[in-house]
Amino acid sequence: MHRAATLAVAALLAGMGCAPRPRPAPVPPPAPPPPPATPAFTAAEVWTAQPGVVLRGDSSSTTLPWMFMRLAVVRVDSSELVVRCMVCRGFPQGRVPRDRVVYEVRGVADAQKLELPDFALAVRDAARRRDLEALRRVMSRDFVYSLDYPEGVLEAMAAWQGRRSGDIERLPGLLDRGIVSTGGGGIWAAPPEFVTQRGYADLRAGFRRGPNGWELTFLVRPEIAEGLVH
Protein backbone atom coordinates (compact mmCIF):
# COMPACT_ATOMS: atom_id res chain seq x y z
CA MET A 1 0.00 0.00 0.00
CA HIS A 2 2.75 2.41 0.96
CA ARG A 3 4.72 1.48 -2.13
CA ALA A 4 1.71 2.00 -4.37
CA ALA A 5 1.08 5.46 -2.96
CA THR A 6 4.70 6.37 -3.45
CA LEU A 7 4.58 5.24 -7.08
CA ALA A 8 1.35 7.18 -7.65
CA VAL A 9 2.88 10.39 -6.29
CA ALA A 10 6.01 9.86 -8.38
CA ALA A 11 3.93 9.31 -11.48
CA LEU A 12 1.94 12.44 -10.75
CA LEU A 13 5.08 14.51 -10.28
CA ALA A 14 6.60 13.10 -13.43
CA GLY A 15 3.47 13.94 -15.33
CA MET A 16 3.50 17.48 -14.00
CA GLY A 17 7.11 17.85 -15.03
CA CYS A 18 6.28 16.87 -18.56
CA ALA A 19 3.38 19.30 -18.90
CA PRO A 20 4.19 22.32 -21.19
CA ARG A 21 4.95 25.51 -19.35
CA PRO A 22 2.57 28.40 -20.02
CA ARG A 23 3.98 31.06 -22.33
CA PRO A 24 4.65 34.42 -20.72
CA ALA A 25 2.18 37.15 -21.56
CA PRO A 26 3.38 39.25 -24.52
CA VAL A 27 4.95 42.57 -23.60
CA PRO A 28 2.90 45.39 -25.12
CA PRO A 29 4.84 47.66 -27.51
CA PRO A 30 5.88 50.99 -26.07
CA ALA A 31 3.36 53.77 -26.49
CA PRO A 32 4.20 56.19 -29.31
CA PRO A 33 5.61 59.48 -28.13
CA PRO A 34 3.03 62.26 -27.82
CA PRO A 35 2.91 64.72 -30.71
CA PRO A 36 4.97 67.85 -30.14
CA ALA A 37 3.02 70.54 -28.40
CA THR A 38 1.92 73.45 -30.54
CA PRO A 39 4.03 76.45 -29.56
CA ALA A 40 2.06 78.99 -27.60
CA PHE A 41 1.10 82.06 -29.58
CA THR A 42 2.86 84.93 -27.85
CA ALA A 43 2.80 87.80 -30.35
CA ALA A 44 1.18 90.93 -28.94
CA GLU A 45 0.79 92.53 -32.36
CA VAL A 46 0.11 91.25 -35.88
CA TRP A 47 -0.25 92.86 -39.32
CA THR A 48 -2.63 92.06 -42.16
CA ALA A 49 -1.01 89.78 -44.74
CA GLN A 50 -3.11 91.06 -47.65
CA PRO A 51 -5.68 93.73 -48.41
CA GLY A 52 -9.33 92.99 -47.66
CA VAL A 53 -8.91 91.02 -44.41
CA VAL A 54 -12.27 90.88 -42.64
CA LEU A 55 -12.41 91.62 -38.93
CA ARG A 56 -15.47 89.66 -37.71
CA GLY A 57 -17.14 91.27 -34.72
CA ASP A 58 -20.08 89.95 -32.69
CA SER A 59 -22.67 92.05 -34.48
CA SER A 60 -20.82 93.46 -37.50
CA SER A 61 -17.69 93.07 -39.57
CA THR A 62 -15.00 95.49 -40.67
CA THR A 63 -13.01 95.06 -43.87
CA LEU A 64 -9.42 96.17 -43.48
CA PRO A 65 -8.60 97.58 -46.90
CA TRP A 66 -4.81 97.60 -46.88
CA MET A 67 -1.96 95.19 -46.53
CA PHE A 68 0.14 95.53 -43.35
CA MET A 69 -2.32 97.25 -41.03
CA ARG A 70 -1.32 96.89 -37.38
CA LEU A 71 -3.59 94.86 -35.07
CA ALA A 72 -3.23 94.40 -31.30
CA VAL A 73 -3.86 90.84 -30.09
CA VAL A 74 -6.58 90.76 -27.42
CA ARG A 75 -7.02 86.99 -27.14
CA VAL A 76 -5.87 83.78 -28.82
CA ASP A 77 -8.59 81.25 -29.74
CA SER A 78 -7.42 78.01 -31.44
CA SER A 79 -6.82 78.96 -35.09
CA GLU A 80 -8.20 82.48 -34.72
CA LEU A 81 -7.12 85.66 -33.02
CA VAL A 82 -9.27 88.28 -31.37
CA VAL A 83 -7.64 91.55 -32.38
CA ARG A 84 -8.21 95.30 -32.31
CA CYS A 85 -7.29 97.45 -35.29
CA MET A 86 -4.99 100.13 -33.93
CA VAL A 87 -5.00 102.24 -37.11
CA CYS A 88 -8.73 102.16 -37.81
CA ARG A 89 -11.25 104.81 -36.82
CA GLY A 90 -13.00 103.69 -33.65
CA PHE A 91 -10.48 100.86 -33.03
CA PRO A 92 -12.86 98.02 -34.03
CA GLN A 93 -12.34 94.59 -32.50
CA GLY A 94 -13.05 91.16 -33.98
CA ARG A 95 -11.69 87.80 -35.09
CA VAL A 96 -9.23 87.00 -37.84
CA PRO A 97 -7.67 83.67 -38.88
CA ARG A 98 -3.99 83.34 -38.09
CA ASP A 99 -3.17 82.67 -41.73
CA ARG A 100 -4.41 86.15 -42.68
CA VAL A 101 -1.79 87.98 -40.63
CA VAL A 102 2.00 88.15 -40.30
CA TYR A 103 3.84 88.35 -37.01
CA GLU A 104 7.11 86.41 -37.26
CA VAL A 105 10.00 88.84 -37.51
CA ARG A 106 12.82 87.63 -39.75
CA GLY A 107 16.09 89.18 -40.76
CA VAL A 108 15.76 91.55 -43.70
CA ALA A 109 17.92 89.38 -45.98
CA ASP A 110 15.69 86.34 -45.38
CA ALA A 111 12.47 88.33 -45.64
CA GLN A 112 13.58 89.77 -48.99
CA LYS A 113 12.70 86.46 -50.66
CA LEU A 114 9.25 86.22 -49.08
CA GLU A 115 6.08 88.24 -49.51
CA LEU A 116 5.94 92.00 -49.14
CA PRO A 117 4.28 91.95 -45.66
CA ASP A 118 7.10 89.73 -44.36
CA PHE A 119 9.66 92.11 -45.79
CA ALA A 120 7.86 95.17 -44.44
CA LEU A 121 7.82 93.61 -40.98
CA ALA A 122 11.58 93.02 -41.15
CA VAL A 123 12.18 96.60 -42.32
CA ARG A 124 9.92 97.90 -39.56
CA ASP A 125 11.85 95.96 -36.95
CA ALA A 126 15.21 97.16 -38.26
CA ALA A 127 14.00 100.77 -38.24
CA ARG A 128 12.60 100.40 -34.72
CA ARG A 129 16.02 99.18 -33.55
CA ARG A 130 17.79 101.78 -35.71
CA ASP A 131 19.76 99.00 -37.39
CA LEU A 132 20.90 101.11 -40.30
CA GLU A 133 23.30 98.44 -41.54
CA ALA A 134 20.42 95.97 -41.95
CA LEU A 135 18.45 98.58 -43.88
CA ARG A 136 21.45 99.41 -46.06
CA ARG A 137 21.61 95.80 -47.27
CA VAL A 138 18.08 95.96 -48.74
CA MET A 139 18.05 99.48 -50.14
CA SER A 140 17.92 99.78 -53.93
CA ARG A 141 20.93 101.24 -55.71
CA ASP A 142 18.83 104.18 -56.86
CA PHE A 143 17.42 104.81 -53.38
CA VAL A 144 15.98 108.31 -52.99
CA TYR A 145 15.67 110.20 -49.72
CA SER A 146 15.82 113.87 -50.75
CA LEU A 147 15.33 116.16 -53.70
CA ASP A 148 17.59 118.80 -52.26
CA TYR A 149 20.70 116.71 -51.54
CA PRO A 150 22.71 114.09 -53.48
CA GLU A 151 20.78 110.84 -53.82
CA GLY A 152 22.04 107.36 -53.02
CA VAL A 153 22.43 104.78 -50.29
CA LEU A 154 25.50 106.27 -48.60
CA GLU A 155 24.02 109.77 -48.65
CA ALA A 156 20.80 108.49 -47.11
CA MET A 157 22.69 106.64 -44.38
CA ALA A 158 24.58 109.83 -43.49
CA ALA A 159 21.37 111.84 -43.42
CA TRP A 160 19.62 109.30 -41.17
CA GLN A 161 22.45 109.66 -38.68
CA GLY A 162 22.13 113.42 -38.80
CA ARG A 163 19.56 115.87 -40.03
CA ARG A 164 16.99 113.24 -41.06
CA SER A 165 17.22 110.83 -38.14
CA GLY A 166 13.54 111.50 -37.44
CA ASP A 167 12.57 109.82 -40.73
CA ILE A 168 13.81 106.44 -39.45
CA GLU A 169 12.05 106.97 -36.12
CA ARG A 170 8.76 107.55 -37.94
CA LEU A 171 9.09 104.65 -40.38
CA PRO A 172 7.48 101.93 -38.15
CA GLY A 173 4.35 104.04 -37.56
CA LEU A 174 4.25 104.94 -41.24
CA LEU A 175 4.19 101.28 -42.26
CA ASP A 176 1.60 100.36 -39.61
CA ARG A 177 -1.06 102.35 -41.46
CA GLY A 178 -0.88 99.98 -44.42
CA ILE A 179 0.87 99.48 -47.74
CA VAL A 180 -0.81 100.01 -51.10
CA SER A 181 0.14 99.68 -54.76
CA THR A 182 0.85 103.00 -56.42
CA GLY A 183 -0.32 101.60 -59.74
CA GLY A 184 2.94 102.35 -61.52
CA GLY A 185 6.37 100.77 -61.88
CA GLY A 186 5.58 97.91 -59.51
CA ILE A 187 6.01 100.28 -56.56
CA TRP A 188 4.15 99.84 -53.28
CA ALA A 189 4.00 102.65 -50.77
CA ALA A 190 3.09 103.52 -47.21
CA PRO A 191 1.02 105.13 -45.92
CA PRO A 192 -2.04 104.57 -48.13
CA GLU A 193 -2.87 108.29 -47.99
CA PHE A 194 0.06 108.88 -50.32
CA VAL A 195 -2.02 107.27 -53.07
CA THR A 196 -5.61 107.81 -51.92
CA GLN A 197 -5.44 111.37 -50.56
CA ARG A 198 -4.94 114.19 -53.01
CA GLY A 199 -2.30 116.61 -51.84
CA TYR A 200 -0.84 114.29 -49.20
CA ALA A 201 2.15 116.20 -47.85
CA ASP A 202 4.13 114.08 -45.45
CA LEU A 203 6.77 111.35 -45.27
CA ARG A 204 6.27 108.22 -47.36
CA ALA A 205 8.18 104.97 -47.97
CA GLY A 206 8.34 102.84 -51.09
CA PHE A 207 9.09 99.21 -52.01
CA ARG A 208 9.54 97.25 -55.21
CA ARG A 209 10.70 93.75 -56.13
CA GLY A 210 14.21 93.81 -57.56
CA PRO A 211 16.52 91.11 -58.95
CA ASN A 212 17.37 89.86 -55.43
CA GLY A 213 13.94 90.22 -53.90
CA TRP A 214 12.11 93.10 -52.27
CA GLU A 215 13.92 96.42 -51.90
CA LEU A 216 13.37 99.63 -49.99
CA THR A 217 13.39 102.24 -52.75
CA PHE A 218 12.59 105.55 -51.08
CA LEU A 219 11.86 107.28 -47.81
CA VAL A 220 11.19 110.87 -48.80
CA ARG A 221 9.51 114.12 -47.98
CA PRO A 222 6.62 115.51 -50.07
CA GLU A 223 8.53 117.54 -52.63
CA ILE A 224 9.92 114.48 -54.46
CA ALA A 225 7.16 111.88 -54.30
CA GLU A 226 5.24 112.84 -57.41
CA GLY A 227 8.28 112.31 -59.60
CA LEU A 228 8.81 108.81 -58.24
CA VAL A 229 5.55 107.16 -59.21
CA HIS A 230 4.00 109.12 -62.05
C-alpha atoms as a PDB file:
ATOM      1  CA  MET A   1       0.000   0.000   0.000  1.00  0.00           C
ATOM      2  CA  HIS A   2       2.745   2.406   0.963  1.00  0.00           C
ATOM      3  CA  ARG A   3       4.718   1.478  -2.125  1.00  0.00           C
ATOM      4  CA  ALA A   4       1.708   1.996  -4.371  1.00  0.00           C
ATOM      5  CA  ALA A   5       1.077   5.458  -2.956  1.00  0.00           C
ATOM      6  CA  THR A   6       4.696   6.374  -3.455  1.00  0.00           C
ATOM      7  CA  LEU A   7       4.581   5.235  -7.082  1.00  0.00           C
ATOM      8  CA  ALA A   8       1.354   7.176  -7.651  1.00  0.00           C
ATOM      9  CA  VAL A   9       2.877  10.385  -6.295  1.00  0.00           C
ATOM     10  CA  ALA A  10       6.013   9.860  -8.382  1.00  0.00           C
ATOM     11  CA  ALA A  11       3.925   9.306 -11.481  1.00  0.00           C
ATOM     12  CA  LEU A  12       1.939  12.439 -10.753  1.00  0.00           C
ATOM     13  CA  LEU A  13       5.077  14.506 -10.279  1.00  0.00           C
ATOM     14  CA  ALA A  14       6.595  13.101 -13.432  1.00  0.00           C
ATOM     15  CA  GLY A  15       3.469  13.945 -15.329  1.00  0.00           C
ATOM     16  CA  MET A  16       3.495  17.481 -14.005  1.00  0.00           C
ATOM     17  CA  GLY A  17       7.114  17.855 -15.031  1.00  0.00           C
ATOM     18  CA  CYS A  18       6.280  16.868 -18.565  1.00  0.00           C
ATOM     19  CA  ALA A  19       3.383  19.304 -18.903  1.00  0.00           C
ATOM     20  CA  PRO A  20       4.190  22.321 -21.192  1.00  0.00           C
ATOM     21  CA  ARG A  21       4.952  25.510 -19.353  1.00  0.00           C
ATOM     22  CA  PRO A  22       2.573  28.397 -20.023  1.00  0.00           C
ATOM     23  CA  ARG A  23       3.975  31.060 -22.335  1.00  0.00           C
ATOM     24  CA  PRO A  24       4.649  34.423 -20.723  1.00  0.00           C
ATOM     25  CA  ALA A  25       2.177  37.153 -21.561  1.00  0.00           C
ATOM     26  CA  PRO A  26       3.382  39.247 -24.522  1.00  0.00           C
ATOM     27  CA  VAL A  27       4.952  42.570 -23.597  1.00  0.00           C
ATOM     28  CA  PRO A  28       2.904  45.389 -25.116  1.00  0.00           C
ATOM     29  CA  PRO A  29       4.839  47.657 -27.505  1.00  0.00           C
ATOM     30  CA  PRO A  30       5.883  50.991 -26.066  1.00  0.00           C
ATOM     31  CA  ALA A  31       3.358  53.769 -26.487  1.00  0.00           C
ATOM     32  CA  PRO A  32       4.195  56.186 -29.307  1.00  0.00           C
ATOM     33  CA  PRO A  33       5.614  59.483 -28.132  1.00  0.00           C
ATOM     34  CA  PRO A  34       3.035  62.261 -27.818  1.00  0.00           C
ATOM     35  CA  PRO A  35       2.910  64.724 -30.709  1.00  0.00           C
ATOM     36  CA  PRO A  36       4.970  67.853 -30.137  1.00  0.00           C
ATOM     37  CA  ALA A  37       3.017  70.541 -28.396  1.00  0.00           C
ATOM     38  CA  THR A  38       1.921  73.452 -30.544  1.00  0.00           C
ATOM     39  CA  PRO A  39       4.030  76.449 -29.562  1.00  0.00           C
ATOM     40  CA  ALA A  40       2.063  78.988 -27.598  1.00  0.00           C
ATOM     41  CA  PHE A  41       1.096  82.059 -29.584  1.00  0.00           C
ATOM     42  CA  THR A  42       2.864  84.931 -27.849  1.00  0.00           C
ATOM     43  CA  ALA A  43       2.797  87.803 -30.348  1.00  0.00           C
ATOM     44  CA  ALA A  44       1.176  90.927 -28.935  1.00  0.00           C
ATOM     45  CA  GLU A  45       0.794  92.526 -32.362  1.00  0.00           C
ATOM     46  CA  VAL A  46       0.112  91.247 -35.881  1.00  0.00           C
ATOM     47  CA  TRP A  47      -0.251  92.856 -39.316  1.00  0.00           C
ATOM     48  CA  THR A  48      -2.629  92.060 -42.164  1.00  0.00           C
ATOM     49  CA  ALA A  49      -1.005  89.781 -44.740  1.00  0.00           C
ATOM     50  CA  GLN A  50      -3.109  91.055 -47.648  1.00  0.00           C
ATOM     51  CA  PRO A  51      -5.680  93.730 -48.410  1.00  0.00           C
ATOM     52  CA  GLY A  52      -9.325  92.987 -47.659  1.00  0.00           C
ATOM     53  CA  VAL A  53      -8.907  91.017 -44.413  1.00  0.00           C
ATOM     54  CA  VAL A  54     -12.274  90.881 -42.644  1.00  0.00           C
ATOM     55  CA  LEU A  55     -12.412  91.622 -38.934  1.00  0.00           C
ATOM     56  CA  ARG A  56     -15.468  89.661 -37.711  1.00  0.00           C
ATOM     57  CA  GLY A  57     -17.145  91.273 -34.721  1.00  0.00           C
ATOM     58  CA  ASP A  58     -20.081  89.950 -32.688  1.00  0.00           C
ATOM     59  CA  SER A  59     -22.665  92.049 -34.485  1.00  0.00           C
ATOM     60  CA  SER A  60     -20.821  93.464 -37.497  1.00  0.00           C
ATOM     61  CA  SER A  61     -17.693  93.070 -39.569  1.00  0.00           C
ATOM     62  CA  THR A  62     -14.998  95.490 -40.670  1.00  0.00           C
ATOM     63  CA  THR A  63     -13.009  95.064 -43.872  1.00  0.00           C
ATOM     64  CA  LEU A  64      -9.423  96.165 -43.475  1.00  0.00           C
ATOM     65  CA  PRO A  65      -8.598  97.577 -46.898  1.00  0.00           C
ATOM     66  CA  TRP A  66      -4.815  97.605 -46.875  1.00  0.00           C
ATOM     67  CA  MET A  67      -1.957  95.187 -46.525  1.00  0.00           C
ATOM     68  CA  PHE A  68       0.141  95.531 -43.352  1.00  0.00           C
ATOM     69  CA  MET A  69      -2.323  97.247 -41.031  1.00  0.00           C
ATOM     70  CA  ARG A  70      -1.324  96.890 -37.378  1.00  0.00           C
ATOM     71  CA  LEU A  71      -3.585  94.859 -35.069  1.00  0.00           C
ATOM     72  CA  ALA A  72      -3.230  94.403 -31.305  1.00  0.00           C
ATOM     73  CA  VAL A  73      -3.860  90.842 -30.086  1.00  0.00           C
ATOM     74  CA  VAL A  74      -6.584  90.764 -27.421  1.00  0.00           C
ATOM     75  CA  ARG A  75      -7.024  86.991 -27.135  1.00  0.00           C
ATOM     76  CA  VAL A  76      -5.872  83.779 -28.816  1.00  0.00           C
ATOM     77  CA  ASP A  77      -8.593  81.249 -29.737  1.00  0.00           C
ATOM     78  CA  SER A  78      -7.423  78.014 -31.444  1.00  0.00           C
ATOM     79  CA  SER A  79      -6.824  78.962 -35.085  1.00  0.00           C
ATOM     80  CA  GLU A  80      -8.205  82.481 -34.718  1.00  0.00           C
ATOM     81  CA  LEU A  81      -7.119  85.659 -33.020  1.00  0.00           C
ATOM     82  CA  VAL A  82      -9.268  88.285 -31.369  1.00  0.00           C
ATOM     83  CA  VAL A  83      -7.643  91.553 -32.377  1.00  0.00           C
ATOM     84  CA  ARG A  84      -8.211  95.299 -32.306  1.00  0.00           C
ATOM     85  CA  CYS A  85      -7.288  97.452 -35.289  1.00  0.00           C
ATOM     86  CA  MET A  86      -4.990 100.131 -33.932  1.00  0.00           C
ATOM     87  CA  VAL A  87      -4.999 102.239 -37.108  1.00  0.00           C
ATOM     88  CA  CYS A  88      -8.735 102.163 -37.813  1.00  0.00           C
ATOM     89  CA  ARG A  89     -11.248 104.809 -36.823  1.00  0.00           C
ATOM     90  CA  GLY A  90     -12.996 103.688 -33.652  1.00  0.00           C
ATOM     91  CA  PHE A  91     -10.483 100.862 -33.029  1.00  0.00           C
ATOM     92  CA  PRO A  92     -12.863  98.025 -34.034  1.00  0.00           C
ATOM     93  CA  GLN A  93     -12.344  94.587 -32.498  1.00  0.00           C
ATOM     94  CA  GLY A  94     -13.046  91.160 -33.982  1.00  0.00           C
ATOM     95  CA  ARG A  95     -11.693  87.800 -35.093  1.00  0.00           C
ATOM     96  CA  VAL A  96      -9.231  87.003 -37.845  1.00  0.00           C
ATOM     97  CA  PRO A  97      -7.672  83.668 -38.883  1.00  0.00           C
ATOM     98  CA  ARG A  98      -3.986  83.345 -38.092  1.00  0.00           C
ATOM     99  CA  ASP A  99      -3.166  82.674 -41.729  1.00  0.00           C
ATOM    100  CA  ARG A 100      -4.407  86.153 -42.684  1.00  0.00           C
ATOM    101  CA  VAL A 101      -1.792  87.981 -40.630  1.00  0.00           C
ATOM    102  CA  VAL A 102       2.000  88.146 -40.301  1.00  0.00           C
ATOM    103  CA  TYR A 103       3.842  88.354 -37.011  1.00  0.00           C
ATOM    104  CA  GLU A 104       7.111  86.411 -37.260  1.00  0.00           C
ATOM    105  CA  VAL A 105      10.004  88.844 -37.508  1.00  0.00           C
ATOM    106  CA  ARG A 106      12.816  87.626 -39.755  1.00  0.00           C
ATOM    107  CA  GLY A 107      16.087  89.182 -40.764  1.00  0.00           C
ATOM    108  CA  VAL A 108      15.758  91.553 -43.698  1.00  0.00           C
ATOM    109  CA  ALA A 109      17.924  89.377 -45.975  1.00  0.00           C
ATOM    110  CA  ASP A 110      15.687  86.339 -45.375  1.00  0.00           C
ATOM    111  CA  ALA A 111      12.468  88.329 -45.641  1.00  0.00           C
ATOM    112  CA  GLN A 112      13.575  89.769 -48.991  1.00  0.00           C
ATOM    113  CA  LYS A 113      12.700  86.457 -50.657  1.00  0.00           C
ATOM    114  CA  LEU A 114       9.248  86.216 -49.076  1.00  0.00           C
ATOM    115  CA  GLU A 115       6.078  88.242 -49.513  1.00  0.00           C
ATOM    116  CA  LEU A 116       5.941  92.001 -49.140  1.00  0.00           C
ATOM    117  CA  PRO A 117       4.279  91.951 -45.665  1.00  0.00           C
ATOM    118  CA  ASP A 118       7.100  89.727 -44.363  1.00  0.00           C
ATOM    119  CA  PHE A 119       9.660  92.110 -45.792  1.00  0.00           C
ATOM    120  CA  ALA A 120       7.858  95.173 -44.443  1.00  0.00           C
ATOM    121  CA  LEU A 121       7.823  93.609 -40.975  1.00  0.00           C
ATOM    122  CA  ALA A 122      11.578  93.016 -41.155  1.00  0.00           C
ATOM    123  CA  VAL A 123      12.183  96.601 -42.325  1.00  0.00           C
ATOM    124  CA  ARG A 124       9.921  97.902 -39.559  1.00  0.00           C
ATOM    125  CA  ASP A 125      11.855  95.962 -36.945  1.00  0.00           C
ATOM    126  CA  ALA A 126      15.210  97.162 -38.258  1.00  0.00           C
ATOM    127  CA  ALA A 127      13.997 100.769 -38.244  1.00  0.00           C
ATOM    128  CA  ARG A 128      12.597 100.399 -34.722  1.00  0.00           C
ATOM    129  CA  ARG A 129      16.016  99.175 -33.548  1.00  0.00           C
ATOM    130  CA  ARG A 130      17.790 101.783 -35.706  1.00  0.00           C
ATOM    131  CA  ASP A 131      19.765  99.001 -37.386  1.00  0.00           C
ATOM    132  CA  LEU A 132      20.904 101.106 -40.302  1.00  0.00           C
ATOM    133  CA  GLU A 133      23.302  98.439 -41.541  1.00  0.00           C
ATOM    134  CA  ALA A 134      20.418  95.973 -41.953  1.00  0.00           C
ATOM    135  CA  LEU A 135      18.452  98.582 -43.881  1.00  0.00           C
ATOM    136  CA  ARG A 136      21.447  99.407 -46.061  1.00  0.00           C
ATOM    137  CA  ARG A 137      21.608  95.801 -47.269  1.00  0.00           C
ATOM    138  CA  VAL A 138      18.085  95.957 -48.737  1.00  0.00           C
ATOM    139  CA  MET A 139      18.052  99.482 -50.145  1.00  0.00           C
ATOM    140  CA  SER A 140      17.920  99.783 -53.926  1.00  0.00           C
ATOM    141  CA  ARG A 141      20.927 101.245 -55.708  1.00  0.00           C
ATOM    142  CA  ASP A 142      18.831 104.178 -56.862  1.00  0.00           C
ATOM    143  CA  PHE A 143      17.418 104.808 -53.380  1.00  0.00           C
ATOM    144  CA  VAL A 144      15.980 108.306 -52.986  1.00  0.00           C
ATOM    145  CA  TYR A 145      15.672 110.203 -49.724  1.00  0.00           C
ATOM    146  CA  SER A 146      15.821 113.866 -50.753  1.00  0.00           C
ATOM    147  CA  LEU A 147      15.327 116.164 -53.699  1.00  0.00           C
ATOM    148  CA  ASP A 148      17.594 118.803 -52.262  1.00  0.00           C
ATOM    149  CA  TYR A 149      20.699 116.708 -51.538  1.00  0.00           C
ATOM    150  CA  PRO A 150      22.712 114.092 -53.477  1.00  0.00           C
ATOM    151  CA  GLU A 151      20.785 110.840 -53.822  1.00  0.00           C
ATOM    152  CA  GLY A 152      22.042 107.363 -53.015  1.00  0.00           C
ATOM    153  CA  VAL A 153      22.435 104.783 -50.286  1.00  0.00           C
ATOM    154  CA  LEU A 154      25.496 106.273 -48.601  1.00  0.00           C
ATOM    155  CA  GLU A 155      24.024 109.769 -48.652  1.00  0.00           C
ATOM    156  CA  ALA A 156      20.799 108.488 -47.106  1.00  0.00           C
ATOM    157  CA  MET A 157      22.689 106.645 -44.378  1.00  0.00           C
ATOM    158  CA  ALA A 158      24.577 109.827 -43.495  1.00  0.00           C
ATOM    159  CA  ALA A 159      21.365 111.844 -43.424  1.00  0.00           C
ATOM    160  CA  TRP A 160      19.623 109.296 -41.175  1.00  0.00           C
ATOM    161  CA  GLN A 161      22.445 109.656 -38.679  1.00  0.00           C
ATOM    162  CA  GLY A 162      22.128 113.418 -38.798  1.00  0.00           C
ATOM    163  CA  ARG A 163      19.560 115.872 -40.034  1.00  0.00           C
ATOM    164  CA  ARG A 164      16.986 113.236 -41.059  1.00  0.00           C
ATOM    165  CA  SER A 165      17.221 110.829 -38.140  1.00  0.00           C
ATOM    166  CA  GLY A 166      13.539 111.498 -37.441  1.00  0.00           C
ATOM    167  CA  ASP A 167      12.573 109.822 -40.735  1.00  0.00           C
ATOM    168  CA  ILE A 168      13.806 106.441 -39.447  1.00  0.00           C
ATOM    169  CA  GLU A 169      12.050 106.970 -36.116  1.00  0.00           C
ATOM    170  CA  ARG A 170       8.760 107.551 -37.937  1.00  0.00           C
ATOM    171  CA  LEU A 171       9.089 104.652 -40.375  1.00  0.00           C
ATOM    172  CA  PRO A 172       7.479 101.935 -38.147  1.00  0.00           C
ATOM    173  CA  GLY A 173       4.355 104.037 -37.560  1.00  0.00           C
ATOM    174  CA  LEU A 174       4.245 104.944 -41.237  1.00  0.00           C
ATOM    175  CA  LEU A 175       4.187 101.281 -42.256  1.00  0.00           C
ATOM    176  CA  ASP A 176       1.600 100.358 -39.606  1.00  0.00           C
ATOM    177  CA  ARG A 177      -1.061 102.354 -41.457  1.00  0.00           C
ATOM    178  CA  GLY A 178      -0.880  99.984 -44.419  1.00  0.00           C
ATOM    179  CA  ILE A 179       0.873  99.481 -47.741  1.00  0.00           C
ATOM    180  CA  VAL A 180      -0.805 100.011 -51.104  1.00  0.00           C
ATOM    181  CA  SER A 181       0.141  99.677 -54.763  1.00  0.00           C
ATOM    182  CA  THR A 182       0.853 103.004 -56.420  1.00  0.00           C
ATOM    183  CA  GLY A 183      -0.317 101.598 -59.737  1.00  0.00           C
ATOM    184  CA  GLY A 184       2.944 102.350 -61.522  1.00  0.00           C
ATOM    185  CA  GLY A 185       6.370 100.773 -61.876  1.00  0.00           C
ATOM    186  CA  GLY A 186       5.580  97.909 -59.507  1.00  0.00           C
ATOM    187  CA  ILE A 187       6.007 100.282 -56.564  1.00  0.00           C
ATOM    188  CA  TRP A 188       4.149  99.841 -53.281  1.00  0.00           C
ATOM    189  CA  ALA A 189       4.005 102.654 -50.773  1.00  0.00           C
ATOM    190  CA  ALA A 190       3.090 103.517 -47.210  1.00  0.00           C
ATOM    191  CA  PRO A 191       1.015 105.134 -45.923  1.00  0.00           C
ATOM    192  CA  PRO A 192      -2.043 104.568 -48.128  1.00  0.00           C
ATOM    193  CA  GLU A 193      -2.870 108.294 -47.986  1.00  0.00           C
ATOM    194  CA  PHE A 194       0.058 108.877 -50.318  1.00  0.00           C
ATOM    195  CA  VAL A 195      -2.025 107.266 -53.069  1.00  0.00           C
ATOM    196  CA  THR A 196      -5.609 107.814 -51.922  1.00  0.00           C
ATOM    197  CA  GLN A 197      -5.442 111.372 -50.564  1.00  0.00           C
ATOM    198  CA  ARG A 198      -4.937 114.189 -53.008  1.00  0.00           C
ATOM    199  CA  GLY A 199      -2.303 116.610 -51.836  1.00  0.00           C
ATOM    200  CA  TYR A 200      -0.837 114.288 -49.202  1.00  0.00           C
ATOM    201  CA  ALA A 201       2.149 116.205 -47.850  1.00  0.00           C
ATOM    202  CA  ASP A 202       4.134 114.085 -45.451  1.00  0.00           C
ATOM    203  CA  LEU A 203       6.766 111.353 -45.270  1.00  0.00           C
ATOM    204  CA  ARG A 204       6.267 108.218 -47.361  1.00  0.00           C
ATOM    205  CA  ALA A 205       8.182 104.969 -47.967  1.00  0.00           C
ATOM    206  CA  GLY A 206       8.341 102.837 -51.095  1.00  0.00           C
ATOM    207  CA  PHE A 207       9.090  99.215 -52.010  1.00  0.00           C
ATOM    208  CA  ARG A 208       9.539  97.250 -55.208  1.00  0.00           C
ATOM    209  CA  ARG A 209      10.697  93.753 -56.126  1.00  0.00           C
ATOM    210  CA  GLY A 210      14.209  93.812 -57.556  1.00  0.00           C
ATOM    211  CA  PRO A 211      16.520  91.106 -58.950  1.00  0.00           C
ATOM    212  CA  ASN A 212      17.374  89.864 -55.433  1.00  0.00           C
ATOM    213  CA  GLY A 213      13.937  90.217 -53.902  1.00  0.00           C
ATOM    214  CA  TRP A 214      12.105  93.101 -52.273  1.00  0.00           C
ATOM    215  CA  GLU A 215      13.919  96.416 -51.902  1.00  0.00           C
ATOM    216  CA  LEU A 216      13.371  99.635 -49.993  1.00  0.00           C
ATOM    217  CA  THR A 217      13.388 102.237 -52.751  1.00  0.00           C
ATOM    218  CA  PHE A 218      12.595 105.554 -51.083  1.00  0.00           C
ATOM    219  CA  LEU A 219      11.857 107.283 -47.806  1.00  0.00           C
ATOM    220  CA  VAL A 220      11.189 110.869 -48.795  1.00  0.00           C
ATOM    221  CA  ARG A 221       9.510 114.121 -47.982  1.00  0.00           C
ATOM    222  CA  PRO A 222       6.620 115.514 -50.068  1.00  0.00           C
ATOM    223  CA  GLU A 223       8.535 117.538 -52.632  1.00  0.00           C
ATOM    224  CA  ILE A 224       9.919 114.480 -54.457  1.00  0.00           C
ATOM    225  CA  ALA A 225       7.164 111.885 -54.303  1.00  0.00           C
ATOM    226  CA  GLU A 226       5.237 112.843 -57.413  1.00  0.00           C
ATOM    227  CA  GLY A 227       8.284 112.308 -59.604  1.00  0.00           C
ATOM    228  CA  LEU A 228       8.807 108.805 -58.239  1.00  0.00           C
ATOM    229  CA  VAL A 229       5.550 107.161 -59.213  1.00  0.00           C
ATOM    230  CA  HIS A 230       3.998 109.118 -62.053  1.00  0.00           C
END
